[in-house]
Amino acid sequence: FFFLMIRRPPRSTQSRSSAASDVYKRQGGDYAIRDTFSVKVFKGNNNQMSLQIKPDFAVEGLFGGPVLGVKSSEFIIFYDWESAKVIRRIDISPKKVYWNDSATFIALATAEEYYILSFKKEVLNDLSGGDPEDGFEESFDLAFELRDSVTSAIWINDCFFFTNNNGKLGYSVGGKTFPLATTDNRKFIIG
């Protein structure tokens, strides 16, 4: 395995805008932007707004992927990019969200732990039914929960590699975490 790790950039170079103010769908060029109380979804290259989501909570962040993640201070709701139908509400508020390349697993990282969930893409094929507020319970299943902070991460197949605030480089597979290295200072994985 090859990893590129860099030091944290100096504070003077960090942008003042939120890093989660716009996100992209993996394929097709769709993207979403957020306002405080709404999310606007744009289709492909024509920059035409295709739909607007107006949740009844303050939108604190967006996460791209096969479904659109909209974060509040207490939970995250995943929406279908095409219809804005609720796919699933999960009652944690992650700092970061990481999808594996095949979109079968997702890592939801909070300040002190992370959750690995399996995602059933076939739910997107039939969006009839489902609870309007909580979505489709069967769309995500908790695979495991681990107590470790995640600063940066990348999926390689079904293996989740990550760094934390203490300089640890580790990986997680099958519900277990294994250390790879410990460094003297904070590092990031660039993937």
C-alpha atoms as a PDB file:
ATOM      1  CA  PHE A   1       0.000   0.000   0.000  1.00  0.00           C
ATOM      2  CA  PHE A   2       1.113   3.558  -0.717  1.00  0.00           C
ATOM      3  CA  PHE A   3      -0.040   6.501   1.400  1.00  0.00           C
ATOM      4  CA  LEU A   4       0.593  10.160   0.871  1.00  0.00           C
ATOM      5  CA  MET A   5       0.502  11.995   4.166  1.00  0.00           C
ATOM      6  CA  ILE A   6       0.960  15.713   4.685  1.00  0.00           C
ATOM      7  CA  ARG A   7       1.094  18.032   7.643  1.00  0.00           C
ATOM      8  CA  ARG A   8      -1.880  20.203   8.524  1.00  0.00           C
ATOM      9  CA  PRO A   9      -1.854  23.452   6.501  1.00  0.00           C
ATOM     10  CA  PRO A  10      -1.116  26.676   8.376  1.00  0.00           C
ATOM     11  CA  ARG A  11      -4.224  28.447   9.696  1.00  0.00           C
ATOM     12  CA  SER A  12      -3.520  31.512   7.558  1.00  0.00           C
ATOM     13  CA  THR A  13      -4.307  29.527   4.390  1.00  0.00           C
ATOM     14  CA  GLN A  14      -7.632  28.079   5.503  1.00  0.00           C
ATOM     15  CA  SER A  15     -10.729  29.501   3.877  1.00  0.00           C
ATOM     16  CA  ARG A  16     -13.342  31.234   6.018  1.00  0.00           C
ATOM     17  CA  SER A  17     -16.241  29.590   4.164  1.00  0.00           C
ATOM     18  CA  SER A  18     -17.663  26.261   5.252  1.00  0.00           C
ATOM     19  CA  ALA A  19     -16.045  23.271   3.607  1.00  0.00           C
ATOM     20  CA  ALA A  20     -19.467  21.614   3.469  1.00  0.00           C
ATOM     21  CA  SER A  21     -21.233  24.374   1.553  1.00  0.00           C
ATOM     22  CA  ASP A  22     -21.336  22.416  -1.708  1.00  0.00           C
ATOM     23  CA  VAL A  23     -21.054  18.724  -2.572  1.00  0.00           C
ATOM     24  CA  TYR A  24     -21.101  16.543  -5.672  1.00  0.00           C
ATOM     25  CA  LYS A  25     -22.737  13.307  -6.635  1.00  0.00           C
ATOM     26  CA  ARG A  26     -20.177  10.691  -7.614  1.00  0.00           C
ATOM     27  CA  GLN A  27     -21.301  10.408 -11.200  1.00  0.00           C
ATOM     28  CA  GLY A  28     -23.332  12.566 -13.536  1.00  0.00           C
ATOM     29  CA  GLY A  29     -22.062  15.962 -12.454  1.00  0.00           C
ATOM     30  CA  ASP A  30     -25.000  16.711 -10.136  1.00  0.00           C
ATOM     31  CA  TYR A  31     -24.208  18.955  -7.207  1.00  0.00           C
ATOM     32  CA  ALA A  32     -25.904  20.593  -4.231  1.00  0.00           C
ATOM     33  CA  ILE A  33     -25.356  23.829  -2.354  1.00  0.00           C
ATOM     34  CA  ARG A  34     -26.717  24.855   1.013  1.00  0.00           C
ATOM     35  CA  ASP A  35     -28.264  27.869   2.569  1.00  0.00           C
ATOM     36  CA  THR A  36     -29.065  27.914   6.265  1.00  0.00           C
ATOM     37  CA  PHE A  37     -32.553  26.437   5.823  1.00  0.00           C
ATOM     38  CA  SER A  38     -32.512  24.935   2.328  1.00  0.00           C
ATOM     39  CA  VAL A  39     -30.529  22.789  -0.059  1.00  0.00           C
ATOM     40  CA  LYS A  40     -30.554  23.386  -3.818  1.00  0.00           C
ATOM     41  CA  VAL A  41     -29.736  20.522  -6.186  1.00  0.00           C
ATOM     42  CA  PHE A  42     -28.411  21.233  -9.685  1.00  0.00           C
ATOM     43  CA  LYS A  43     -28.307  18.752 -12.574  1.00  0.00           C
ATOM     44  CA  GLY A  44     -25.207  17.989 -14.588  1.00  0.00           C
ATOM     45  CA  ASN A  45     -23.444  20.587 -16.655  1.00  0.00           C
ATOM     46  CA  ASN A  46     -26.401  22.866 -17.399  1.00  0.00           C
ATOM     47  CA  ASN A  47     -26.348  24.491 -13.929  1.00  0.00           C
ATOM     48  CA  GLN A  48     -30.148  24.434 -13.777  1.00  0.00           C
ATOM     49  CA  MET A  49     -31.637  23.938 -10.333  1.00  0.00           C
ATOM     50  CA  SER A  50     -33.583  20.682 -10.466  1.00  0.00           C
ATOM     51  CA  LEU A  51     -35.043  20.693  -6.961  1.00  0.00           C
ATOM     52  CA  GLN A  52     -34.927  22.400  -3.604  1.00  0.00           C
ATOM     53  CA  ILE A  53     -35.094  20.686  -0.225  1.00  0.00           C
ATOM     54  CA  LYS A  54     -36.508  22.775   2.623  1.00  0.00           C
ATOM     55  CA  PRO A  55     -35.996  20.784   5.818  1.00  0.00           C
ATOM     56  CA  ASP A  56     -37.492  21.941   9.113  1.00  0.00           C
ATOM     57  CA  PHE A  57     -34.045  22.255  10.730  1.00  0.00           C
ATOM     58  CA  ALA A  58     -30.935  24.388  10.253  1.00  0.00           C
ATOM     59  CA  VAL A  59     -28.655  22.752   7.688  1.00  0.00           C
ATOM     60  CA  GLU A  60     -25.152  22.528   9.155  1.00  0.00           C
ATOM     61  CA  GLY A  61     -23.472  20.585   6.379  1.00  0.00           C
ATOM     62  CA  LEU A  62     -23.793  18.529   3.217  1.00  0.00           C
ATOM     63  CA  PHE A  63     -22.151  15.271   2.211  1.00  0.00           C
ATOM     64  CA  GLY A  64     -22.027  13.907  -1.337  1.00  0.00           C
ATOM     65  CA  GLY A  65     -22.154  10.307  -2.490  1.00  0.00           C
ATOM     66  CA  PRO A  66     -24.761   8.019  -4.011  1.00  0.00           C
ATOM     67  CA  VAL A  67     -27.311   9.749  -1.752  1.00  0.00           C
ATOM     68  CA  LEU A  68     -27.205  13.352  -0.533  1.00  0.00           C
ATOM     69  CA  GLY A  69     -26.404  13.731   3.173  1.00  0.00           C
ATOM     70  CA  VAL A  70     -27.901  16.758   4.946  1.00  0.00           C
ATOM     71  CA  LYS A  71     -26.616  17.265   8.488  1.00  0.00           C
ATOM     72  CA  SER A  72     -28.237  19.022  11.435  1.00  0.00           C
ATOM     73  CA  SER A  73     -26.792  19.504  14.909  1.00  0.00           C
ATOM     74  CA  GLU A  74     -28.416  16.237  16.066  1.00  0.00           C
ATOM     75  CA  PHE A  75     -28.820  13.926  13.058  1.00  0.00           C
ATOM     76  CA  ILE A  76     -28.155  13.350   9.365  1.00  0.00           C
ATOM     77  CA  ILE A  77     -30.774  12.689   6.713  1.00  0.00           C
ATOM     78  CA  PHE A  78     -29.884  11.021   3.415  1.00  0.00           C
ATOM     79  CA  TYR A  79     -31.985  12.091   0.409  1.00  0.00           C
ATOM     80  CA  ASP A  80     -32.342  10.697  -3.093  1.00  0.00           C
ATOM     81  CA  TRP A  81     -30.603  13.060  -5.555  1.00  0.00           C
ATOM     82  CA  GLU A  82     -33.402  12.723  -8.140  1.00  0.00           C
ATOM     83  CA  SER A  83     -36.575  13.020  -6.064  1.00  0.00           C
ATOM     84  CA  ALA A  84     -35.431  14.469  -2.704  1.00  0.00           C
ATOM     85  CA  LYS A  85     -37.241  11.588  -1.016  1.00  0.00           C
ATOM     86  CA  VAL A  86     -35.879  10.704   2.426  1.00  0.00           C
ATOM     87  CA  ILE A  87     -33.776   7.548   2.183  1.00  0.00           C
ATOM     88  CA  ARG A  88     -32.858   7.358   5.877  1.00  0.00           C
ATOM     89  CA  ARG A  89     -32.551   9.515   8.983  1.00  0.00           C
ATOM     90  CA  ILE A  90     -29.730   8.512  11.325  1.00  0.00           C
ATOM     91  CA  ASP A  91     -29.668  10.034  14.790  1.00  0.00           C
ATOM     92  CA  ILE A  92     -26.027  11.090  14.967  1.00  0.00           C
ATOM     93  CA  SER A  93     -24.416  14.249  13.622  1.00  0.00           C
ATOM     94  CA  PRO A  94     -21.159  13.236  11.921  1.00  0.00           C
ATOM     95  CA  LYS A  95     -18.225  15.576  11.392  1.00  0.00           C
ATOM     96  CA  LYS A  96     -17.243  13.658   8.268  1.00  0.00           C
ATOM     97  CA  VAL A  97     -18.746  11.031   5.975  1.00  0.00           C
ATOM     98  CA  TYR A  98     -16.712   8.597   3.875  1.00  0.00           C
ATOM     99  CA  TRP A  99     -18.147   6.287   1.176  1.00  0.00           C
ATOM    100  CA  ASN A 100     -16.241   3.319  -0.226  1.00  0.00           C
ATOM    101  CA  ASP A 101     -15.826   3.218  -4.031  1.00  0.00           C
ATOM    102  CA  SER A 102     -18.558   0.628  -4.594  1.00  0.00           C
ATOM    103  CA  ALA A 103     -20.994   2.611  -2.366  1.00  0.00           C
ATOM    104  CA  THR A 104     -21.691  -0.463  -0.243  1.00  0.00           C
ATOM    105  CA  PHE A 105     -20.183   0.943   2.969  1.00  0.00           C
ATOM    106  CA  ILE A 106     -20.212   4.342   4.621  1.00  0.00           C
ATOM    107  CA  ALA A 107     -18.253   5.625   7.621  1.00  0.00           C
ATOM    108  CA  LEU A 108     -19.884   8.279   9.784  1.00  0.00           C
ATOM    109  CA  ALA A 109     -17.186   9.938  11.907  1.00  0.00           C
ATOM    110  CA  THR A 110     -18.092  11.888  15.039  1.00  0.00           C
ATOM    111  CA  ALA A 111     -15.637  13.591  17.423  1.00  0.00           C
ATOM    112  CA  GLU A 112     -14.949  10.445  19.457  1.00  0.00           C
ATOM    113  CA  GLU A 113     -16.074   7.441  17.424  1.00  0.00           C
ATOM    114  CA  TYR A 114     -17.058   6.257  14.003  1.00  0.00           C
ATOM    115  CA  TYR A 115     -19.776   4.028  12.675  1.00  0.00           C
ATOM    116  CA  ILE A 116     -19.478   1.736   9.669  1.00  0.00           C
ATOM    117  CA  LEU A 117     -22.805   1.064   7.981  1.00  0.00           C
ATOM    118  CA  SER A 118     -23.627  -1.082   4.993  1.00  0.00           C
ATOM    119  CA  PHE A 119     -25.741   0.613   2.324  1.00  0.00           C
ATOM    120  CA  LYS A 120     -28.264  -1.253   0.190  1.00  0.00           C
ATOM    121  CA  LYS A 121     -28.276   0.581  -3.148  1.00  0.00           C
ATOM    122  CA  GLU A 122     -31.219  -1.466  -4.387  1.00  0.00           C
ATOM    123  CA  VAL A 123     -33.493   0.642  -2.136  1.00  0.00           C
ATOM    124  CA  LEU A 124     -32.976   3.470  -4.656  1.00  0.00           C
ATOM    125  CA  ASN A 125     -34.610   1.351  -7.392  1.00  0.00           C
ATOM    126  CA  ASP A 126     -38.022   1.467  -5.718  1.00  0.00           C
ATOM    127  CA  LEU A 127     -38.751   4.563  -3.656  1.00  0.00           C
ATOM    128  CA  SER A 128     -42.453   3.884  -3.217  1.00  0.00           C
ATOM    129  CA  GLY A 129     -43.398   3.596   0.424  1.00  0.00           C
ATOM    130  CA  GLY A 130     -40.976   4.459   3.193  1.00  0.00           C
ATOM    131  CA  ASP A 131     -41.614   6.750   6.133  1.00  0.00           C
ATOM    132  CA  PRO A 132     -41.665  10.422   5.017  1.00  0.00           C
ATOM    133  CA  GLU A 133     -39.580  11.488   8.034  1.00  0.00           C
ATOM    134  CA  ASP A 134     -37.303   8.500   8.718  1.00  0.00           C
ATOM    135  CA  GLY A 135     -37.051   6.942   5.254  1.00  0.00           C
ATOM    136  CA  PHE A 136     -36.341   3.285   4.581  1.00  0.00           C
ATOM    137  CA  GLU A 137     -35.059   1.484   7.653  1.00  0.00           C
ATOM    138  CA  GLU A 138     -33.558  -1.312   5.544  1.00  0.00           C
ATOM    139  CA  SER A 139     -31.388   1.080   3.470  1.00  0.00           C
ATOM    140  CA  PHE A 140     -28.573   1.236   6.066  1.00  0.00           C
ATOM    141  CA  ASP A 141     -27.458  -1.438   8.540  1.00  0.00           C
ATOM    142  CA  LEU A 142     -24.943  -0.838  11.315  1.00  0.00           C
ATOM    143  CA  ALA A 143     -21.968  -3.096  10.629  1.00  0.00           C
ATOM    144  CA  PHE A 144     -19.945  -1.926  13.635  1.00  0.00           C
ATOM    145  CA  GLU A 145     -19.145   0.995  15.907  1.00  0.00           C
ATOM    146  CA  LEU A 146     -15.603   1.818  17.005  1.00  0.00           C
ATOM    147  CA  ARG A 147     -14.255   4.284  19.557  1.00  0.00           C
ATOM    148  CA  ASP A 148     -11.551   6.234  17.768  1.00  0.00           C
ATOM    149  CA  SER A 149     -11.445   9.723  16.356  1.00  0.00           C
ATOM    150  CA  VAL A 150     -10.991  10.164  12.612  1.00  0.00           C
ATOM    151  CA  THR A 151      -9.088  13.170  11.225  1.00  0.00           C
ATOM    152  CA  SER A 152      -8.822  11.955   7.647  1.00  0.00           C
ATOM    153  CA  ALA A 153      -9.618   8.688   5.941  1.00  0.00           C
ATOM    154  CA  ILE A 154      -9.886   6.716   2.733  1.00  0.00           C
ATOM    155  CA  TRP A 155     -11.535   3.460   1.779  1.00  0.00           C
ATOM    156  CA  ILE A 156      -9.517   0.895  -0.148  1.00  0.00           C
ATOM    157  CA  ASN A 157     -12.040  -1.728  -1.193  1.00  0.00           C
ATOM    158  CA  ASP A 158     -13.773  -2.681   2.077  1.00  0.00           C
ATOM    159  CA  CYS A 159     -10.891  -1.593   4.312  1.00  0.00           C
ATOM    160  CA  PHE A 160     -11.133   1.800   6.052  1.00  0.00           C
ATOM    161  CA  PHE A 161      -7.758   3.561   6.552  1.00  0.00           C
ATOM    162  CA  PHE A 162      -7.672   6.597   8.841  1.00  0.00           C
ATOM    163  CA  THR A 163      -5.564   9.019  10.860  1.00  0.00           C
ATOM    164  CA  ASN A 164      -6.512  10.583  14.184  1.00  0.00           C
ATOM    165  CA  ASN A 165      -5.548  13.635  16.251  1.00  0.00           C
ATOM    166  CA  ASN A 166      -2.861  11.680  18.110  1.00  0.00           C
ATOM    167  CA  GLY A 167      -0.838  10.870  14.996  1.00  0.00           C
ATOM    168  CA  LYS A 168      -2.122   7.317  14.666  1.00  0.00           C
ATOM    169  CA  LEU A 169      -2.424   5.762  11.222  1.00  0.00           C
ATOM    170  CA  GLY A 170      -4.681   2.743  11.393  1.00  0.00           C
ATOM    171  CA  TYR A 171      -7.156   0.694   9.471  1.00  0.00           C
ATOM    172  CA  SER A 172     -10.425  -0.980  10.225  1.00  0.00           C
ATOM    173  CA  VAL A 173     -11.844  -4.112   8.703  1.00  0.00           C
ATOM    174  CA  GLY A 174     -14.503  -6.503   9.943  1.00  0.00           C
ATOM    175  CA  GLY A 175     -15.229  -4.518  13.089  1.00  0.00           C
ATOM    176  CA  LYS A 176     -11.638  -4.430  14.335  1.00  0.00           C
ATOM    177  CA  THR A 177      -9.096  -1.620  14.288  1.00  0.00           C
ATOM    178  CA  PHE A 178      -5.414  -2.259  13.645  1.00  0.00           C
ATOM    179  CA  PRO A 179      -2.554   0.247  14.043  1.00  0.00           C
ATOM    180  CA  LEU A 180      -0.152   0.802  11.156  1.00  0.00           C
ATOM    181  CA  ALA A 181       2.032   3.591  12.551  1.00  0.00           C
ATOM    182  CA  THR A 182       2.168   6.378  15.100  1.00  0.00           C
ATOM    183  CA  THR A 183       3.746   9.718  14.235  1.00  0.00           C
ATOM    184  CA  ASP A 184       4.859  12.649  16.361  1.00  0.00           C
ATOM    185  CA  ASN A 185       2.414  15.073  14.803  1.00  0.00           C
ATOM    186  CA  ARG A 186      -0.921  15.208  13.076  1.00  0.00           C
ATOM    187  CA  LYS A 187      -1.067  13.861   9.515  1.00  0.00           C
ATOM    188  CA  PHE A 188      -3.733  13.672   6.821  1.00  0.00           C
ATOM    189  CA  ILE A 189      -4.450  11.031   4.202  1.00  0.00           C
ATOM    190  CA  ILE A 190      -4.855  12.526   0.741  1.00  0.00           C
ATOM    191  CA  GLY A 191      -6.651  10.138  -1.591  1.00  0.00           C
END
